[in-house]
Amino acid sequence: MALFKKRTVGKPGEWYYCLQHNKVEEGPDCPGKDRFGPYASREEATRAMETAAERNLEWDTDPRWHDSAARGEED
């Protein structure tokens, strides 16, 4: 018995950004490993790659994750 069932039909209003096809899709058409989402609107899903880049930059420049460099220690 599977622990997780594959959901083939999305809820109305769920938007995803498909990484494989580089496009916005309504509902989970592609496998979870190939998409970002769900987003509340098409516009949010359209900005998925920009949002990911912004979050990555925040993560990369967050001093809480680079404590050893701040103390002069090597990784």
PDB file of N, CA and C in Angstrom:
ATOM      1  N   MET A   1       0.842  -1.178   0.000  1.00  0.00           N
ATOM      2  CA  MET A   1       0.000   0.000   0.000  1.00  0.00           C
ATOM      3  C   MET A   1       0.887   1.241   0.000  1.00  0.00           C
ATOM      4  N   ALA A   2       0.627   2.140  -0.891  1.00  0.00           N
ATOM      5  CA  ALA A   2       1.421   3.360  -1.004  1.00  0.00           C
ATOM      6  C   ALA A   2       1.066   4.334   0.111  1.00  0.00           C
ATOM      7  N   LEU A   3       2.092   4.981   0.629  1.00  0.00           N
ATOM      8  CA  LEU A   3       1.863   5.984   1.657  1.00  0.00           C
ATOM      9  C   LEU A   3       1.327   7.284   1.082  1.00  0.00           C
ATOM     10  N   PHE A   4       1.761   7.583  -0.129  1.00  0.00           N
ATOM     11  CA  PHE A   4       1.336   8.818  -0.774  1.00  0.00           C
ATOM     12  C   PHE A   4       0.690   8.476  -2.104  1.00  0.00           C
ATOM     13  N   LYS A   5      -0.479   9.002  -2.310  1.00  0.00           N
ATOM     14  CA  LYS A   5      -1.165   8.778  -3.570  1.00  0.00           C
ATOM     15  C   LYS A   5      -0.817   9.907  -4.528  1.00  0.00           C
ATOM     16  N   LYS A   6      -0.632   9.561  -5.780  1.00  0.00           N
ATOM     17  CA  LYS A   6      -0.357  10.563  -6.797  1.00  0.00           C
ATOM     18  C   LYS A   6      -1.648  11.307  -7.104  1.00  0.00           C
ATOM     19  N   ARG A   7      -1.599  12.607  -6.902  1.00  0.00           N
ATOM     20  CA  ARG A   7      -2.774  13.421  -7.190  1.00  0.00           C
ATOM     21  C   ARG A   7      -2.697  13.832  -8.657  1.00  0.00           C
ATOM     22  N   THR A   8      -3.663  13.414  -9.422  1.00  0.00           N
ATOM     23  CA  THR A   8      -3.626  13.687 -10.862  1.00  0.00           C
ATOM     24  C   THR A   8      -4.413  14.928 -11.239  1.00  0.00           C
ATOM     25  N   VAL A   9      -5.349  15.333 -10.408  1.00  0.00           N
ATOM     26  CA  VAL A   9      -6.169  16.493 -10.720  1.00  0.00           C
ATOM     27  C   VAL A   9      -5.898  17.576  -9.693  1.00  0.00           C
ATOM     28  N   GLY A  10      -5.584  18.758 -10.171  1.00  0.00           N
ATOM     29  CA  GLY A  10      -5.302  19.874  -9.271  1.00  0.00           C
ATOM     30  C   GLY A  10      -6.573  20.533  -8.787  1.00  0.00           C
ATOM     31  N   LYS A  11      -6.419  21.273  -7.721  1.00  0.00           N
ATOM     32  CA  LYS A  11      -7.539  22.055  -7.229  1.00  0.00           C
ATOM     33  C   LYS A  11      -7.673  23.301  -8.092  1.00  0.00           C
ATOM     34  N   PRO A  12      -8.876  23.783  -8.295  1.00  0.00           N
ATOM     35  CA  PRO A  12      -9.031  25.009  -9.087  1.00  0.00           C
ATOM     36  C   PRO A  12      -8.241  26.153  -8.450  1.00  0.00           C
ATOM     37  N   GLY A  13      -7.509  26.860  -9.275  1.00  0.00           N
ATOM     38  CA  GLY A  13      -6.750  27.999  -8.785  1.00  0.00           C
ATOM     39  C   GLY A  13      -5.340  27.677  -8.330  1.00  0.00           C
ATOM     40  N   GLU A  14      -4.906  26.424  -8.425  1.00  0.00           N
ATOM     41  CA  GLU A  14      -3.522  26.074  -8.095  1.00  0.00           C
ATOM     42  C   GLU A  14      -2.669  26.236  -9.337  1.00  0.00           C
ATOM     43  N   TRP A  15      -1.593  26.985  -9.200  1.00  0.00           N
ATOM     44  CA  TRP A  15      -0.702  27.232 -10.323  1.00  0.00           C
ATOM     45  C   TRP A  15       0.685  26.723  -9.993  1.00  0.00           C
ATOM     46  N   TYR A  16       1.360  26.194 -10.990  1.00  0.00           N
ATOM     47  CA  TYR A  16       2.698  25.629 -10.837  1.00  0.00           C
ATOM     48  C   TYR A  16       3.596  26.161 -11.941  1.00  0.00           C
ATOM     49  N   TYR A  17       4.905  26.164 -11.667  1.00  0.00           N
ATOM     50  CA  TYR A  17       5.877  26.471 -12.703  1.00  0.00           C
ATOM     51  C   TYR A  17       6.618  25.182 -13.008  1.00  0.00           C
ATOM     52  N   CYS A  18       6.519  24.709 -14.240  1.00  0.00           N
ATOM     53  CA  CYS A  18       7.150  23.461 -14.645  1.00  0.00           C
ATOM     54  C   CYS A  18       8.586  23.744 -15.067  1.00  0.00           C
ATOM     55  N   LEU A  19       9.533  23.123 -14.383  1.00  0.00           N
ATOM     56  CA  LEU A  19      10.953  23.303 -14.672  1.00  0.00           C
ATOM     57  C   LEU A  19      11.371  22.576 -15.946  1.00  0.00           C
ATOM     58  N   GLN A  20      10.695  21.529 -16.288  1.00  0.00           N
ATOM     59  CA  GLN A  20      11.032  20.759 -17.480  1.00  0.00           C
ATOM     60  C   GLN A  20      10.588  21.489 -18.748  1.00  0.00           C
ATOM     61  N   HIS A  21       9.390  22.069 -18.703  1.00  0.00           N
ATOM     62  CA  HIS A  21       8.838  22.728 -19.884  1.00  0.00           C
ATOM     63  C   HIS A  21       9.007  24.251 -19.852  1.00  0.00           C
ATOM     64  N   ASN A  22       9.493  24.789 -18.706  1.00  0.00           N
ATOM     65  CA  ASN A  22       9.681  26.232 -18.537  1.00  0.00           C
ATOM     66  C   ASN A  22       8.415  27.020 -18.834  1.00  0.00           C
ATOM     67  N   LYS A  23       7.319  26.564 -18.217  1.00  0.00           N
ATOM     68  CA  LYS A  23       6.059  27.264 -18.416  1.00  0.00           C
ATOM     69  C   LYS A  23       5.165  27.109 -17.193  1.00  0.00           C
ATOM     70  N   VAL A  24       4.189  27.983 -17.107  1.00  0.00           N
ATOM     71  CA  VAL A  24       3.208  27.969 -16.022  1.00  0.00           C
ATOM     72  C   VAL A  24       2.086  27.017 -16.400  1.00  0.00           C
ATOM     73  N   GLU A  25       1.669  26.209 -15.414  1.00  0.00           N
ATOM     74  CA  GLU A  25       0.599  25.246 -15.652  1.00  0.00           C
ATOM     75  C   GLU A  25      -0.422  25.347 -14.525  1.00  0.00           C
ATOM     76  N   GLU A  26      -1.681  25.179 -14.859  1.00  0.00           N
ATOM     77  CA  GLU A  26      -2.715  25.120 -13.827  1.00  0.00           C
ATOM     78  C   GLU A  26      -2.917  23.662 -13.470  1.00  0.00           C
ATOM     79  N   GLY A  27      -2.762  23.363 -12.193  1.00  0.00           N
ATOM     80  CA  GLY A  27      -2.867  21.978 -11.741  1.00  0.00           C
ATOM     81  C   GLY A  27      -1.540  21.269 -11.874  1.00  0.00           C
ATOM     82  N   PRO A  28      -1.368  20.171 -11.133  1.00  0.00           N
ATOM     83  CA  PRO A  28      -0.095  19.450 -11.177  1.00  0.00           C
ATOM     84  C   PRO A  28      -0.004  18.512 -12.382  1.00  0.00           C
ATOM     85  N   ASP A  29       0.298  19.066 -13.533  1.00  0.00           N
ATOM     86  CA  ASP A  29       0.397  18.243 -14.747  1.00  0.00           C
ATOM     87  C   ASP A  29       1.676  17.423 -14.777  1.00  0.00           C
ATOM     88  N   CYS A  30       2.787  18.005 -14.311  1.00  0.00           N
ATOM     89  CA  CYS A  30       4.077  17.323 -14.343  1.00  0.00           C
ATOM     90  C   CYS A  30       4.421  16.785 -12.953  1.00  0.00           C
ATOM     91  N   PRO A  31       5.365  15.843 -12.872  1.00  0.00           N
ATOM     92  CA  PRO A  31       5.757  15.286 -11.573  1.00  0.00           C
ATOM     93  C   PRO A  31       6.279  16.371 -10.618  1.00  0.00           C
ATOM     94  N   GLY A  32       6.125  16.136  -9.347  1.00  0.00           N
ATOM     95  CA  GLY A  32       6.544  17.091  -8.328  1.00  0.00           C
ATOM     96  C   GLY A  32       8.013  17.465  -8.417  1.00  0.00           C
ATOM     97  N   LYS A  33       8.864  16.550  -8.858  1.00  0.00           N
ATOM     98  CA  LYS A  33      10.295  16.832  -8.959  1.00  0.00           C
ATOM     99  C   LYS A  33      10.607  17.854 -10.042  1.00  0.00           C
ATOM    100  N   ASP A  34       9.650  18.105 -10.928  1.00  0.00           N
ATOM    101  CA  ASP A  34       9.863  19.006 -12.054  1.00  0.00           C
ATOM    102  C   ASP A  34       9.095  20.315 -11.937  1.00  0.00           C
ATOM    103  N   ARG A  35       8.621  20.661 -10.744  1.00  0.00           N
ATOM    104  CA  ARG A  35       7.806  21.876 -10.665  1.00  0.00           C
ATOM    105  C   ARG A  35       7.990  22.608  -9.342  1.00  0.00           C
ATOM    106  N   PHE A  36       7.701  23.890  -9.369  1.00  0.00           N
ATOM    107  CA  PHE A  36       7.596  24.727  -8.177  1.00  0.00           C
ATOM    108  C   PHE A  36       6.117  25.015  -7.977  1.00  0.00           C
ATOM    109  N   GLY A  37       5.688  25.080  -6.722  1.00  0.00           N
ATOM    110  CA  GLY A  37       4.305  25.450  -6.460  1.00  0.00           C
ATOM    111  C   GLY A  37       3.706  24.574  -5.388  1.00  0.00           C
ATOM    112  N   PRO A  38       2.464  24.751  -5.081  1.00  0.00           N
ATOM    113  CA  PRO A  38       1.490  25.550  -5.803  1.00  0.00           C
ATOM    114  C   PRO A  38       1.568  27.038  -5.424  1.00  0.00           C
ATOM    115  N   TYR A  39       1.157  27.871  -6.358  1.00  0.00           N
ATOM    116  CA  TYR A  39       1.047  29.305  -6.165  1.00  0.00           C
ATOM    117  C   TYR A  39      -0.419  29.686  -6.227  1.00  0.00           C
ATOM    118  N   ALA A  40      -0.761  30.785  -5.591  1.00  0.00           N
ATOM    119  CA  ALA A  40      -2.154  31.226  -5.526  1.00  0.00           C
ATOM    120  C   ALA A  40      -2.628  31.862  -6.830  1.00  0.00           C
ATOM    121  N   SER A  41      -1.681  32.348  -7.646  1.00  0.00           N
ATOM    122  CA  SER A  41      -2.084  33.008  -8.889  1.00  0.00           C
ATOM    123  C   SER A  41      -1.112  32.669 -10.010  1.00  0.00           C
ATOM    124  N   ARG A  42      -1.571  32.898 -11.217  1.00  0.00           N
ATOM    125  CA  ARG A  42      -0.732  32.692 -12.393  1.00  0.00           C
ATOM    126  C   ARG A  42       0.475  33.620 -12.346  1.00  0.00           C
ATOM    127  N   GLU A  43       0.274  34.852 -11.880  1.00  0.00           N
ATOM    128  CA  GLU A  43       1.353  35.831 -11.813  1.00  0.00           C
ATOM    129  C   GLU A  43       2.465  35.372 -10.870  1.00  0.00           C
ATOM    130  N   GLU A  44       2.085  34.820  -9.717  1.00  0.00           N
ATOM    131  CA  GLU A  44       3.086  34.306  -8.774  1.00  0.00           C
ATOM    132  C   GLU A  44       3.873  33.157  -9.400  1.00  0.00           C
ATOM    133  N   ALA A  45       3.189  32.265 -10.095  1.00  0.00           N
ATOM    134  CA  ALA A  45       3.859  31.141 -10.739  1.00  0.00           C
ATOM    135  C   ALA A  45       4.782  31.624 -11.853  1.00  0.00           C
ATOM    136  N   THR A  46       4.387  32.667 -12.562  1.00  0.00           N
ATOM    137  CA  THR A  46       5.210  33.230 -13.624  1.00  0.00           C
ATOM    138  C   THR A  46       6.534  33.743 -13.066  1.00  0.00           C
ATOM    139  N   ARG A  47       6.509  34.257 -11.838  1.00  0.00           N
ATOM    140  CA  ARG A  47       7.713  34.791 -11.209  1.00  0.00           C
ATOM    141  C   ARG A  47       8.479  33.740 -10.412  1.00  0.00           C
ATOM    142  N   ALA A  48       8.172  32.483 -10.562  1.00  0.00           N
ATOM    143  CA  ALA A  48       8.769  31.425  -9.741  1.00  0.00           C
ATOM    144  C   ALA A  48      10.290  31.416  -9.799  1.00  0.00           C
ATOM    145  N   MET A  49      10.859  31.539 -10.980  1.00  0.00           N
ATOM    146  CA  MET A  49      12.317  31.505 -11.105  1.00  0.00           C
ATOM    147  C   MET A  49      12.953  32.747 -10.483  1.00  0.00           C
ATOM    148  N   GLU A  50      12.317  33.904 -10.630  1.00  0.00           N
ATOM    149  CA  GLU A  50      12.816  35.131 -10.003  1.00  0.00           C
ATOM    150  C   GLU A  50      12.763  35.006  -8.479  1.00  0.00           C
ATOM    151  N   THR A  51      11.653  34.483  -7.978  1.00  0.00           N
ATOM    152  CA  THR A  51      11.498  34.300  -6.532  1.00  0.00           C
ATOM    153  C   THR A  51      12.559  33.348  -6.004  1.00  0.00           C
ATOM    154  N   ALA A  52      12.814  32.262  -6.724  1.00  0.00           N
ATOM    155  CA  ALA A  52      13.837  31.301  -6.302  1.00  0.00           C
ATOM    156  C   ALA A  52      15.219  31.950  -6.298  1.00  0.00           C
ATOM    157  N   ALA A  53      15.516  32.749  -7.304  1.00  0.00           N
ATOM    158  CA  ALA A  53      16.817  33.428  -7.365  1.00  0.00           C
ATOM    159  C   ALA A  53      16.973  34.414  -6.212  1.00  0.00           C
ATOM    160  N   GLU A  54      15.911  35.143  -5.891  1.00  0.00           N
ATOM    161  CA  GLU A  54      15.949  36.086  -4.769  1.00  0.00           C
ATOM    162  C   GLU A  54      16.176  35.348  -3.450  1.00  0.00           C
ATOM    163  N   ARG A  55      15.491  34.248  -3.262  1.00  0.00           N
ATOM    164  CA  ARG A  55      15.646  33.474  -2.025  1.00  0.00           C
ATOM    165  C   ARG A  55      17.037  32.859  -1.931  1.00  0.00           C
ATOM    166  N   ASN A  56      17.573  32.388  -3.051  1.00  0.00           N
ATOM    167  CA  ASN A  56      18.932  31.839  -3.047  1.00  0.00           C
ATOM    168  C   ASN A  56      19.953  32.907  -2.682  1.00  0.00           C
ATOM    169  N   LEU A  57      19.774  34.115  -3.204  1.00  0.00           N
ATOM    170  CA  LEU A  57      20.684  35.211  -2.884  1.00  0.00           C
ATOM    171  C   LEU A  57      20.607  35.546  -1.401  1.00  0.00           C
ATOM    172  N   GLU A  58      19.387  35.602  -0.861  1.00  0.00           N
ATOM    173  CA  GLU A  58      19.226  35.856   0.576  1.00  0.00           C
ATOM    174  C   GLU A  58      19.929  34.771   1.390  1.00  0.00           C
ATOM    175  N   TRP A  59      19.774  33.534   0.997  1.00  0.00           N
ATOM    176  CA  TRP A  59      20.397  32.412   1.698  1.00  0.00           C
ATOM    177  C   TRP A  59      21.920  32.518   1.620  1.00  0.00           C
ATOM    178  N   ASP A  60      22.437  32.788   0.427  1.00  0.00           N
ATOM    179  CA  ASP A  60      23.887  32.858   0.222  1.00  0.00           C
ATOM    180  C   ASP A  60      24.538  34.008   0.968  1.00  0.00           C
ATOM    181  N   THR A  61      23.791  35.080   1.219  1.00  0.00           N
ATOM    182  CA  THR A  61      24.368  36.247   1.877  1.00  0.00           C
ATOM    183  C   THR A  61      23.940  36.384   3.337  1.00  0.00           C
ATOM    184  N   ASP A  62      23.226  35.413   3.855  1.00  0.00           N
ATOM    185  CA  ASP A  62      22.774  35.459   5.254  1.00  0.00           C
ATOM    186  C   ASP A  62      23.945  35.119   6.179  1.00  0.00           C
ATOM    187  N   PRO A  63      24.359  36.054   7.018  1.00  0.00           N
ATOM    188  CA  PRO A  63      25.517  35.801   7.885  1.00  0.00           C
ATOM    189  C   PRO A  63      25.288  34.667   8.887  1.00  0.00           C
ATOM    190  N   ARG A  64      24.047  34.324   9.178  1.00  0.00           N
ATOM    191  CA  ARG A  64      23.786  33.223  10.115  1.00  0.00           C
ATOM    192  C   ARG A  64      24.243  31.886   9.541  1.00  0.00           C
ATOM    193  N   TRP A  65      24.348  31.782   8.212  1.00  0.00           N
ATOM    194  CA  TRP A  65      24.768  30.540   7.583  1.00  0.00           C
ATOM    195  C   TRP A  65      26.258  30.532   7.264  1.00  0.00           C
ATOM    196  N   HIS A  66      26.930  31.622   7.581  1.00  0.00           N
ATOM    197  CA  HIS A  66      28.354  31.740   7.285  1.00  0.00           C
ATOM    198  C   HIS A  66      29.122  32.121   8.539  1.00  0.00           C
ATOM    199  N   ASP A  67      28.796  31.500   9.654  1.00  0.00           N
ATOM    200  CA  ASP A  67      29.416  31.821  10.933  1.00  0.00           C
ATOM    201  C   ASP A  67      30.920  31.591  10.918  1.00  0.00           C
ATOM    202  N   SER A  68      31.384  30.509  10.298  1.00  0.00           N
ATOM    203  CA  SER A  68      32.812  30.204  10.319  1.00  0.00           C
ATOM    204  C   SER A  68      33.613  31.278   9.588  1.00  0.00           C
ATOM    205  N   ALA A  69      33.097  31.801   8.496  1.00  0.00           N
ATOM    206  CA  ALA A  69      33.788  32.849   7.750  1.00  0.00           C
ATOM    207  C   ALA A  69      33.835  34.136   8.569  1.00  0.00           C
ATOM    208  N   ALA A  70      32.779  34.419   9.305  1.00  0.00           N
ATOM    209  CA  ALA A  70      32.740  35.634  10.119  1.00  0.00           C
ATOM    210  C   ALA A  70      33.737  35.567  11.267  1.00  0.00           C
ATOM    211  N   ARG A  71      34.016  34.356  11.750  1.00  0.00           N
ATOM    212  CA  ARG A  71      34.960  34.204  12.863  1.00  0.00           C
ATOM    213  C   ARG A  71      36.388  34.011  12.380  1.00  0.00           C
ATOM    214  N   GLY A  72      36.591  33.988  11.075  1.00  0.00           N
ATOM    215  CA  GLY A  72      37.916  33.810  10.527  1.00  0.00           C
ATOM    216  C   GLY A  72      38.346  32.367  10.421  1.00  0.00           C
ATOM    217  N   GLU A  73      37.412  31.433  10.548  1.00  0.00           N
ATOM    218  CA  GLU A  73      37.718  30.008  10.442  1.00  0.00           C
ATOM    219  C   GLU A  73      37.556  29.573   9.003  1.00  0.00           C
ATOM    220  N   GLU A  74      38.241  28.501   8.648  1.00  0.00           N
ATOM    221  CA  GLU A  74      38.085  27.938   7.298  1.00  0.00           C
ATOM    222  C   GLU A  74      36.999  26.886   7.344  1.00  0.00           C
ATOM    223  N   ASP A  75      36.363  26.669   6.165  1.00  0.00           N
ATOM    224  CA  ASP A  75      35.307  25.647   6.063  1.00  0.00           C
ATOM    225  C   ASP A  75      35.855  24.268   6.182  1.00  0.00           C
TER     226      ASP A  75
END
